[in-house]
Amino acid sequence: MSDPKAMNLRFPDPAQRAAIAAAAKQAGVSMQEYILSAAYDRATAVEQRFLEGFKASMARSGAAFAAEPSSIDVGAEQRVSEQEALRELQRQEQGRAA
C-alpha cells in the first residue's frame, strides 16, 4: 500500500488527518492530491491578491504622474517645512549614531 513516490503525510493531530481524509474522499481524490490542490489554490489566491494590489498601485502612480504639475506642485512654504523636517530627522539620526 505504500507508494515510494507518495508524499509522507504525517499529522500530529489525528482529528486533522481524519478531516482531510474525509474531505479528500468526498472530493474523490487521494489525500496527497487534495492537499496539493488546496496548496495550489491558496498560492494562486495569494498571487491574485498581490497582482490586484500591484495593479491598483500602478494606477495610482500613473494618475500621479499624469496629473498636471500645477495640481501636484506644493507651495514654497510646504517645501520649506518639509526641508526643515528632513534636516531635523537627520540631526536626530546623527545624535543617535554618536
N, C-alpha and C. Protein backbone atom coordinates (compact mmCIF):
# COMPACT_ATOMS: atom_id res chain seq x y z
N MET A 1 0.82 -1.20 0.00
CA MET A 1 0.00 0.00 0.00
C MET A 1 0.86 1.26 0.00
N SER A 2 2.09 1.17 0.40
CA SER A 2 2.98 2.32 0.45
C SER A 2 3.60 2.57 -0.93
N ASP A 3 3.33 3.72 -1.47
CA ASP A 3 3.87 4.10 -2.78
C ASP A 3 5.16 4.88 -2.53
N PRO A 4 6.31 4.46 -3.08
CA PRO A 4 7.57 5.15 -2.81
C PRO A 4 7.60 6.60 -3.31
N LYS A 5 6.74 6.95 -4.25
CA LYS A 5 6.72 8.32 -4.76
C LYS A 5 5.73 9.21 -4.02
N ALA A 6 4.94 8.64 -3.14
CA ALA A 6 3.92 9.40 -2.43
C ALA A 6 4.55 10.30 -1.37
N MET A 7 3.86 11.39 -1.08
CA MET A 7 4.31 12.28 0.00
C MET A 7 4.15 11.56 1.32
N ASN A 8 5.02 11.88 2.24
CA ASN A 8 4.90 11.35 3.59
C ASN A 8 3.95 12.27 4.35
N LEU A 9 2.74 11.81 4.56
CA LEU A 9 1.71 12.63 5.19
C LEU A 9 1.59 12.28 6.67
N ARG A 10 2.26 13.06 7.49
CA ARG A 10 2.19 12.87 8.94
C ARG A 10 1.45 14.05 9.55
N PHE A 11 0.51 13.74 10.38
CA PHE A 11 -0.28 14.77 11.04
C PHE A 11 -0.19 14.56 12.54
N PRO A 12 0.25 15.59 13.28
CA PRO A 12 0.31 15.46 14.74
C PRO A 12 -1.08 15.34 15.36
N ASP A 13 -2.08 15.85 14.67
CA ASP A 13 -3.45 15.83 15.19
C ASP A 13 -4.27 14.81 14.40
N PRO A 14 -4.66 13.70 15.03
CA PRO A 14 -5.44 12.68 14.32
C PRO A 14 -6.76 13.22 13.78
N ALA A 15 -7.35 14.18 14.47
CA ALA A 15 -8.61 14.75 14.01
C ALA A 15 -8.40 15.52 12.70
N GLN A 16 -7.26 16.19 12.61
CA GLN A 16 -6.95 16.93 11.38
C GLN A 16 -6.79 15.96 10.21
N ARG A 17 -6.08 14.88 10.45
CA ARG A 17 -5.88 13.87 9.41
C ARG A 17 -7.23 13.29 8.97
N ALA A 18 -8.08 13.00 9.94
CA ALA A 18 -9.39 12.43 9.62
C ALA A 18 -10.23 13.41 8.80
N ALA A 19 -10.17 14.67 9.17
CA ALA A 19 -10.95 15.68 8.44
C ALA A 19 -10.45 15.81 7.00
N ILE A 20 -9.14 15.80 6.82
CA ILE A 20 -8.58 15.91 5.47
C ILE A 20 -8.88 14.64 4.68
N ALA A 21 -8.78 13.49 5.31
CA ALA A 21 -9.10 12.23 4.63
C ALA A 21 -10.56 12.21 4.19
N ALA A 22 -11.45 12.68 5.05
CA ALA A 22 -12.88 12.71 4.71
C ALA A 22 -13.14 13.67 3.55
N ALA A 23 -12.49 14.83 3.58
CA ALA A 23 -12.68 15.82 2.51
C ALA A 23 -12.12 15.28 1.19
N ALA A 24 -10.98 14.60 1.24
CA ALA A 24 -10.39 14.03 0.03
C ALA A 24 -11.30 12.94 -0.53
N LYS A 25 -11.83 12.12 0.37
CA LYS A 25 -12.72 11.03 -0.07
C LYS A 25 -13.97 11.60 -0.72
N GLN A 26 -14.52 12.65 -0.10
CA GLN A 26 -15.72 13.29 -0.64
C GLN A 26 -15.43 13.89 -2.02
N ALA A 27 -14.21 14.42 -2.20
CA ALA A 27 -13.82 15.00 -3.48
C ALA A 27 -13.43 13.93 -4.50
N GLY A 28 -13.25 12.71 -4.02
CA GLY A 28 -12.91 11.61 -4.91
C GLY A 28 -11.46 11.60 -5.35
N VAL A 29 -10.58 12.13 -4.49
CA VAL A 29 -9.15 12.17 -4.82
C VAL A 29 -8.35 11.65 -3.63
N SER A 30 -7.08 11.40 -3.87
CA SER A 30 -6.21 10.95 -2.78
C SER A 30 -5.93 12.12 -1.84
N MET A 31 -5.47 11.80 -0.64
CA MET A 31 -5.12 12.87 0.32
C MET A 31 -4.02 13.74 -0.26
N GLN A 32 -3.04 13.10 -0.89
CA GLN A 32 -1.93 13.85 -1.47
C GLN A 32 -2.44 14.84 -2.51
N GLU A 33 -3.29 14.37 -3.40
CA GLU A 33 -3.83 15.25 -4.44
C GLU A 33 -4.68 16.36 -3.82
N TYR A 34 -5.46 16.02 -2.80
CA TYR A 34 -6.30 17.01 -2.14
C TYR A 34 -5.45 18.11 -1.50
N ILE A 35 -4.39 17.71 -0.80
CA ILE A 35 -3.52 18.68 -0.13
C ILE A 35 -2.79 19.54 -1.14
N LEU A 36 -2.26 18.92 -2.20
CA LEU A 36 -1.55 19.70 -3.22
C LEU A 36 -2.49 20.66 -3.93
N SER A 37 -3.70 20.23 -4.19
CA SER A 37 -4.67 21.08 -4.84
C SER A 37 -5.02 22.28 -3.95
N ALA A 38 -5.22 22.02 -2.67
CA ALA A 38 -5.53 23.10 -1.73
C ALA A 38 -4.37 24.09 -1.63
N ALA A 39 -3.15 23.56 -1.61
CA ALA A 39 -1.98 24.44 -1.54
C ALA A 39 -1.87 25.29 -2.81
N TYR A 40 -2.13 24.68 -3.95
CA TYR A 40 -2.08 25.41 -5.21
C TYR A 40 -3.16 26.49 -5.24
N ASP A 41 -4.37 26.15 -4.82
CA ASP A 41 -5.46 27.13 -4.78
C ASP A 41 -5.12 28.31 -3.89
N ARG A 42 -4.53 28.01 -2.74
CA ARG A 42 -4.16 29.10 -1.82
C ARG A 42 -3.06 29.98 -2.43
N ALA A 43 -2.07 29.35 -3.04
CA ALA A 43 -0.97 30.11 -3.64
C ALA A 43 -1.47 31.00 -4.77
N THR A 44 -2.36 30.49 -5.60
CA THR A 44 -2.86 31.31 -6.69
C THR A 44 -3.76 32.43 -6.17
N ALA A 45 -4.47 32.20 -5.07
CA ALA A 45 -5.28 33.26 -4.47
C ALA A 45 -4.39 34.38 -3.93
N VAL A 46 -3.29 34.00 -3.30
CA VAL A 46 -2.35 34.99 -2.80
C VAL A 46 -1.75 35.77 -3.96
N GLU A 47 -1.40 35.06 -5.02
CA GLU A 47 -0.84 35.71 -6.21
C GLU A 47 -1.85 36.70 -6.79
N GLN A 48 -3.11 36.31 -6.87
CA GLN A 48 -4.14 37.20 -7.41
C GLN A 48 -4.29 38.46 -6.56
N ARG A 49 -4.28 38.30 -5.22
CA ARG A 49 -4.38 39.48 -4.36
C ARG A 49 -3.19 40.40 -4.55
N PHE A 50 -2.00 39.81 -4.70
CA PHE A 50 -0.80 40.62 -4.94
C PHE A 50 -0.93 41.38 -6.26
N LEU A 51 -1.33 40.68 -7.32
CA LEU A 51 -1.45 41.31 -8.63
C LEU A 51 -2.51 42.41 -8.63
N GLU A 52 -3.62 42.19 -7.94
CA GLU A 52 -4.65 43.23 -7.84
C GLU A 52 -4.12 44.46 -7.12
N GLY A 53 -3.39 44.23 -6.02
CA GLY A 53 -2.80 45.35 -5.29
C GLY A 53 -1.76 46.08 -6.12
N PHE A 54 -0.98 45.32 -6.87
CA PHE A 54 0.05 45.91 -7.72
C PHE A 54 -0.60 46.76 -8.82
N LYS A 55 -1.65 46.23 -9.44
CA LYS A 55 -2.35 46.98 -10.49
C LYS A 55 -2.95 48.27 -9.93
N ALA A 56 -3.53 48.19 -8.73
CA ALA A 56 -4.10 49.39 -8.10
C ALA A 56 -3.00 50.41 -7.81
N SER A 57 -1.86 49.93 -7.35
CA SER A 57 -0.74 50.81 -7.07
C SER A 57 -0.24 51.48 -8.35
N MET A 58 -0.15 50.69 -9.42
CA MET A 58 0.29 51.24 -10.70
C MET A 58 -0.69 52.30 -11.19
N ALA A 59 -1.98 52.05 -11.00
CA ALA A 59 -2.99 53.02 -11.43
C ALA A 59 -2.85 54.33 -10.65
N ARG A 60 -2.62 54.21 -9.32
CA ARG A 60 -2.44 55.42 -8.50
C ARG A 60 -1.19 56.17 -8.94
N SER A 61 -0.11 55.43 -9.16
CA SER A 61 1.15 56.06 -9.58
C SER A 61 0.99 56.72 -10.94
N GLY A 62 0.33 56.01 -11.84
CA GLY A 62 0.12 56.57 -13.18
C GLY A 62 -0.69 57.85 -13.12
N ALA A 63 -1.70 57.87 -12.26
CA ALA A 63 -2.53 59.07 -12.12
C ALA A 63 -1.71 60.22 -11.56
N ALA A 64 -0.83 59.93 -10.62
CA ALA A 64 0.01 60.99 -10.05
C ALA A 64 0.96 61.56 -11.09
N PHE A 65 1.54 60.70 -11.92
CA PHE A 65 2.47 61.18 -12.94
C PHE A 65 1.75 61.87 -14.09
N ALA A 66 0.51 61.50 -14.33
CA ALA A 66 -0.25 62.10 -15.42
C ALA A 66 -0.86 63.44 -15.01
N ALA A 67 -0.91 63.72 -13.72
CA ALA A 67 -1.53 64.95 -13.24
C ALA A 67 -0.73 66.17 -13.72
N GLU A 68 -1.44 67.24 -13.86
CA GLU A 68 -0.78 68.49 -14.24
C GLU A 68 0.19 68.90 -13.13
N PRO A 69 1.37 69.35 -13.49
CA PRO A 69 2.35 69.74 -12.46
C PRO A 69 1.79 70.75 -11.46
N SER A 70 0.97 71.69 -11.93
CA SER A 70 0.45 72.70 -11.01
C SER A 70 -0.50 72.09 -9.98
N SER A 71 -1.13 70.95 -10.33
CA SER A 71 -2.08 70.37 -9.39
C SER A 71 -1.40 69.56 -8.30
N ILE A 72 -0.16 69.14 -8.53
CA ILE A 72 0.56 68.38 -7.51
C ILE A 72 1.73 69.15 -6.92
N ASP A 73 2.05 70.30 -7.51
CA ASP A 73 3.17 71.08 -7.02
C ASP A 73 2.79 71.73 -5.70
N VAL A 74 3.59 71.47 -4.69
CA VAL A 74 3.32 72.06 -3.39
C VAL A 74 3.85 73.48 -3.35
N GLY A 75 3.31 74.24 -2.45
CA GLY A 75 3.74 75.62 -2.32
C GLY A 75 5.12 75.73 -1.70
N ALA A 76 5.70 76.92 -1.83
CA ALA A 76 7.04 77.17 -1.30
C ALA A 76 7.08 76.95 0.21
N GLU A 77 6.03 77.35 0.91
CA GLU A 77 6.00 77.19 2.36
C GLU A 77 6.06 75.71 2.75
N GLN A 78 5.33 74.88 2.04
CA GLN A 78 5.32 73.45 2.35
C GLN A 78 6.69 72.84 2.06
N ARG A 79 7.32 73.27 0.95
CA ARG A 79 8.66 72.74 0.64
C ARG A 79 9.66 73.10 1.73
N VAL A 80 9.60 74.34 2.21
CA VAL A 80 10.49 74.77 3.28
C VAL A 80 10.22 73.95 4.54
N SER A 81 8.96 73.75 4.86
CA SER A 81 8.58 72.97 6.04
C SER A 81 9.09 71.54 5.93
N GLU A 82 8.95 70.93 4.74
CA GLU A 82 9.43 69.56 4.53
C GLU A 82 10.95 69.49 4.65
N GLN A 83 11.64 70.49 4.12
CA GLN A 83 13.10 70.50 4.22
C GLN A 83 13.56 70.64 5.67
N GLU A 84 12.87 71.48 6.43
CA GLU A 84 13.20 71.63 7.85
C GLU A 84 12.96 70.32 8.61
N ALA A 85 11.87 69.67 8.32
CA ALA A 85 11.56 68.39 8.96
C ALA A 85 12.63 67.35 8.61
N LEU A 86 13.05 67.33 7.36
CA LEU A 86 14.09 66.40 6.94
C LEU A 86 15.41 66.70 7.66
N ARG A 87 15.77 67.96 7.77
CA ARG A 87 17.01 68.31 8.49
C ARG A 87 16.92 67.89 9.96
N GLU A 88 15.75 68.07 10.57
CA GLU A 88 15.57 67.69 11.96
C GLU A 88 15.71 66.18 12.13
N LEU A 89 15.14 65.41 11.21
CA LEU A 89 15.30 63.95 11.25
C LEU A 89 16.76 63.55 11.10
N GLN A 90 17.45 64.21 10.20
CA GLN A 90 18.87 63.90 10.01
C GLN A 90 19.68 64.22 11.26
N ARG A 91 19.36 65.35 11.93
CA ARG A 91 20.04 65.70 13.17
C ARG A 91 19.79 64.65 14.25
N GLN A 92 18.56 64.18 14.33
CA GLN A 92 18.21 63.15 15.33
C GLN A 92 18.96 61.86 15.04
N GLU A 93 19.06 61.48 13.78
CA GLU A 93 19.77 60.27 13.42
C GLU A 93 21.26 60.40 13.74
N GLN A 94 21.82 61.57 13.48
CA GLN A 94 23.24 61.79 13.80
C GLN A 94 23.47 61.75 15.29
N GLY A 95 22.52 62.27 16.05
CA GLY A 95 22.63 62.24 17.51
C GLY A 95 22.60 60.83 18.07
N ARG A 96 21.80 59.98 17.46
CA ARG A 96 21.72 58.58 17.90
C ARG A 96 22.97 57.80 17.49
N ALA A 97 23.53 58.15 16.34
CA ALA A 97 24.72 57.44 15.85
C ALA A 97 25.97 57.80 16.66
N ALA A 98 25.95 58.98 17.27
CA ALA A 98 27.14 59.43 18.01
C ALA A 98 27.27 58.79 19.37
